[in-house]
Amino acid sequence: MPIKAAKVALGWMAAPLTNDYMTPTYSASANYISMGGAGFIYPACRPGGSKYGQSDIIRTEIDLDEQGKGTVRFFVNGAPAGEADWKLGAAYPAFSCEHGEVVCEVSRCDA
């Protein structure tokens, strides 16, 4: 079994500029929705459709209505990997990393 060098979570937060890692074990607040490499969607801690690791391409999208409610979707290598309802208003893209080196590219896609 390979040794996991880095813990990574990708998602959305209701407040920008925080040092919280986006999983329930680390974050006391539930002002985010994220997906970790083990394939769980947090803070609900429910399984998504797939895990991710080194060299995978992870994408997240959010569709919001005018009241700040909508749906967060996750994709791994282009395939749907889970979704969750967003009810927290404004959303800021967020990335958490612990215990290792991670290289990432961030792009914005306006539909």
C-alpha atoms as a PDB file:
ATOM      1  CA  MET A   1       0.000   0.000   0.000  1.00  0.00           C
ATOM      2  CA  PRO A   2       1.480   3.397  -0.953  1.00  0.00           C
ATOM      3  CA  ILE A   3       2.191   5.946   1.753  1.00  0.00           C
ATOM      4  CA  LYS A   4      -0.047   8.983   1.474  1.00  0.00           C
ATOM      5  CA  ALA A   5       2.199  12.042   1.344  1.00  0.00           C
ATOM      6  CA  ALA A   6      -0.405  14.812   1.204  1.00  0.00           C
ATOM      7  CA  LYS A   7      -3.978  15.294   2.330  1.00  0.00           C
ATOM      8  CA  VAL A   8      -5.982  17.389  -0.113  1.00  0.00           C
ATOM      9  CA  ALA A   9      -9.549  18.712  -0.108  1.00  0.00           C
ATOM     10  CA  LEU A  10     -11.119  20.858  -2.813  1.00  0.00           C
ATOM     11  CA  GLY A  11     -14.395  22.743  -2.557  1.00  0.00           C
ATOM     12  CA  TRP A  12     -16.179  25.965  -1.604  1.00  0.00           C
ATOM     13  CA  MET A  13     -16.294  28.099   1.550  1.00  0.00           C
ATOM     14  CA  ALA A  14     -18.793  30.717   2.692  1.00  0.00           C
ATOM     15  CA  ALA A  15     -16.032  32.932   4.133  1.00  0.00           C
ATOM     16  CA  PRO A  16     -12.709  33.628   2.405  1.00  0.00           C
ATOM     17  CA  LEU A  17      -9.261  33.552   3.981  1.00  0.00           C
ATOM     18  CA  THR A  18      -9.385  30.869   6.610  1.00  0.00           C
ATOM     19  CA  ASN A  19      -6.796  28.380   7.778  1.00  0.00           C
ATOM     20  CA  ASP A  20      -9.338  25.631   8.474  1.00  0.00           C
ATOM     21  CA  TYR A  21      -8.736  22.309   6.753  1.00  0.00           C
ATOM     22  CA  MET A  22     -12.043  21.381   5.101  1.00  0.00           C
ATOM     23  CA  THR A  23     -12.934  18.139   6.863  1.00  0.00           C
ATOM     24  CA  PRO A  24     -14.947  17.699  10.078  1.00  0.00           C
ATOM     25  CA  THR A  25     -11.928  16.345  11.951  1.00  0.00           C
ATOM     26  CA  TYR A  26     -10.124  19.647  11.529  1.00  0.00           C
ATOM     27  CA  SER A  27     -12.747  22.346  11.057  1.00  0.00           C
ATOM     28  CA  ALA A  28     -15.074  23.366  13.872  1.00  0.00           C
ATOM     29  CA  SER A  29     -17.290  25.295  11.453  1.00  0.00           C
ATOM     30  CA  ALA A  30     -19.500  23.899   8.721  1.00  0.00           C
ATOM     31  CA  ASN A  31     -19.153  26.862   6.382  1.00  0.00           C
ATOM     32  CA  TYR A  32     -17.861  24.780   3.496  1.00  0.00           C
ATOM     33  CA  ILE A  33     -18.495  21.843   1.173  1.00  0.00           C
ATOM     34  CA  SER A  34     -15.464  19.873   0.066  1.00  0.00           C
ATOM     35  CA  MET A  35     -14.329  16.552  -1.330  1.00  0.00           C
ATOM     36  CA  GLY A  36     -11.215  14.850  -0.037  1.00  0.00           C
ATOM     37  CA  GLY A  37      -8.999  12.343  -1.817  1.00  0.00           C
ATOM     38  CA  ALA A  38     -10.676   9.413  -0.047  1.00  0.00           C
ATOM     39  CA  GLY A  39     -13.847  10.333  -1.952  1.00  0.00           C
ATOM     40  CA  PHE A  40     -15.933  11.682   0.927  1.00  0.00           C
ATOM     41  CA  ILE A  41     -17.982  14.866   0.641  1.00  0.00           C
ATOM     42  CA  TYR A  42     -17.738  17.027   3.755  1.00  0.00           C
ATOM     43  CA  PRO A  43     -19.030  18.214   6.163  1.00  0.00           C
ATOM     44  CA  ALA A  44     -21.699  15.510   5.693  1.00  0.00           C
ATOM     45  CA  CYS A  45     -18.924  12.859   5.554  1.00  0.00           C
ATOM     46  CA  ARG A  46     -20.799  10.854   2.929  1.00  0.00           C
ATOM     47  CA  PRO A  47     -19.179   8.904   0.105  1.00  0.00           C
ATOM     48  CA  GLY A  48     -18.946  10.520  -3.305  1.00  0.00           C
ATOM     49  CA  GLY A  49     -18.585   8.597  -6.532  1.00  0.00           C
ATOM     50  CA  SER A  50     -14.819   8.168  -6.599  1.00  0.00           C
ATOM     51  CA  LYS A  51     -11.490   8.686  -4.861  1.00  0.00           C
ATOM     52  CA  TYR A  52      -8.632  10.736  -6.259  1.00  0.00           C
ATOM     53  CA  GLY A  53      -4.871  10.752  -5.938  1.00  0.00           C
ATOM     54  CA  GLN A  54      -1.652  11.641  -7.658  1.00  0.00           C
ATOM     55  CA  SER A  55      -2.046  12.758 -11.314  1.00  0.00           C
ATOM     56  CA  ASP A  56      -5.865  12.848 -11.176  1.00  0.00           C
ATOM     57  CA  ILE A  57      -7.722  15.917 -12.408  1.00  0.00           C
ATOM     58  CA  ILE A  58     -10.326  17.156  -9.956  1.00  0.00           C
ATOM     59  CA  ARG A  59     -12.940  19.757 -10.849  1.00  0.00           C
ATOM     60  CA  THR A  60     -15.633  21.406  -8.802  1.00  0.00           C
ATOM     61  CA  GLU A  61     -18.526  23.544  -9.993  1.00  0.00           C
ATOM     62  CA  ILE A  62     -21.175  25.530  -8.191  1.00  0.00           C
ATOM     63  CA  ASP A  63     -24.504  26.811  -9.512  1.00  0.00           C
ATOM     64  CA  LEU A  64     -26.121  29.467  -7.322  1.00  0.00           C
ATOM     65  CA  ASP A  65     -29.448  31.225  -7.524  1.00  0.00           C
ATOM     66  CA  GLU A  66     -29.949  34.843  -6.490  1.00  0.00           C
ATOM     67  CA  GLN A  67     -30.563  33.809  -2.865  1.00  0.00           C
ATOM     68  CA  GLY A  68     -27.163  32.084  -2.639  1.00  0.00           C
ATOM     69  CA  LYS A  69     -28.545  28.558  -2.749  1.00  0.00           C
ATOM     70  CA  GLY A  70     -27.609  25.912  -5.263  1.00  0.00           C
ATOM     71  CA  THR A  71     -25.590  22.790  -6.000  1.00  0.00           C
ATOM     72  CA  VAL A  72     -21.904  21.953  -5.662  1.00  0.00           C
ATOM     73  CA  ARG A  73     -20.643  19.250  -8.045  1.00  0.00           C
ATOM     74  CA  PHE A  74     -17.358  17.336  -8.037  1.00  0.00           C
ATOM     75  CA  PHE A  75     -15.660  15.527 -10.932  1.00  0.00           C
ATOM     76  CA  VAL A  76     -12.628  13.217 -11.012  1.00  0.00           C
ATOM     77  CA  ASN A  77     -10.929  12.882 -14.404  1.00  0.00           C
ATOM     78  CA  GLY A  78     -14.077  14.271 -16.049  1.00  0.00           C
ATOM     79  CA  ALA A  79     -16.489  11.768 -14.471  1.00  0.00           C
ATOM     80  CA  PRO A  80     -19.145  12.898 -11.941  1.00  0.00           C
ATOM     81  CA  ALA A  81     -17.956  12.137  -8.395  1.00  0.00           C
ATOM     82  CA  GLY A  82     -20.717  13.574  -6.217  1.00  0.00           C
ATOM     83  CA  GLU A  83     -22.726  16.648  -5.363  1.00  0.00           C
ATOM     84  CA  ALA A  84     -24.171  18.501  -2.384  1.00  0.00           C
ATOM     85  CA  ASP A  85     -26.660  21.284  -1.743  1.00  0.00           C
ATOM     86  CA  TRP A  86     -25.235  24.749  -1.002  1.00  0.00           C
ATOM     87  CA  LYS A  87     -27.307  26.987   1.306  1.00  0.00           C
ATOM     88  CA  LEU A  88     -24.622  29.342   2.639  1.00  0.00           C
ATOM     89  CA  GLY A  89     -24.901  32.368   0.335  1.00  0.00           C
ATOM     90  CA  ALA A  90     -21.767  33.664  -1.390  1.00  0.00           C
ATOM     91  CA  ALA A  91     -19.218  30.969  -2.257  1.00  0.00           C
ATOM     92  CA  TYR A  92     -15.430  31.187  -2.511  1.00  0.00           C
ATOM     93  CA  PRO A  93     -13.290  28.473  -4.148  1.00  0.00           C
ATOM     94  CA  ALA A  94     -11.137  26.709  -1.565  1.00  0.00           C
ATOM     95  CA  PHE A  95      -8.259  24.258  -1.497  1.00  0.00           C
ATOM     96  CA  SER A  96      -6.795  22.573   1.592  1.00  0.00           C
ATOM     97  CA  CYS A  97      -3.514  20.709   1.777  1.00  0.00           C
ATOM     98  CA  GLU A  98      -1.566  19.144   4.632  1.00  0.00           C
ATOM     99  CA  HIS A  99       1.569  17.046   4.946  1.00  0.00           C
ATOM    100  CA  GLY A 100       3.081  17.163   1.492  1.00  0.00           C
ATOM    101  CA  GLU A 101       3.750  18.915  -1.747  1.00  0.00           C
ATOM    102  CA  VAL A 102       0.856  19.523  -4.107  1.00  0.00           C
ATOM    103  CA  VAL A 103       0.895  21.134  -7.542  1.00  0.00           C
ATOM    104  CA  CYS A 104      -2.383  22.530  -8.790  1.00  0.00           C
ATOM    105  CA  GLU A 105      -3.741  24.623 -11.615  1.00  0.00           C
ATOM    106  CA  VAL A 106      -6.802  26.785 -11.041  1.00  0.00           C
ATOM    107  CA  SER A 107      -8.985  28.031 -13.863  1.00  0.00           C
ATOM    108  CA  ARG A 108     -12.298  29.807 -14.065  1.00  0.00           C
ATOM    109  CA  CYS A 109     -14.975  28.802 -16.493  1.00  0.00           C
ATOM    110  CA  ASP A 110     -17.907  31.144 -16.988  1.00  0.00           C
ATOM    111  CA  ALA A 111     -20.907  29.434 -18.523  1.00  0.00           C
END
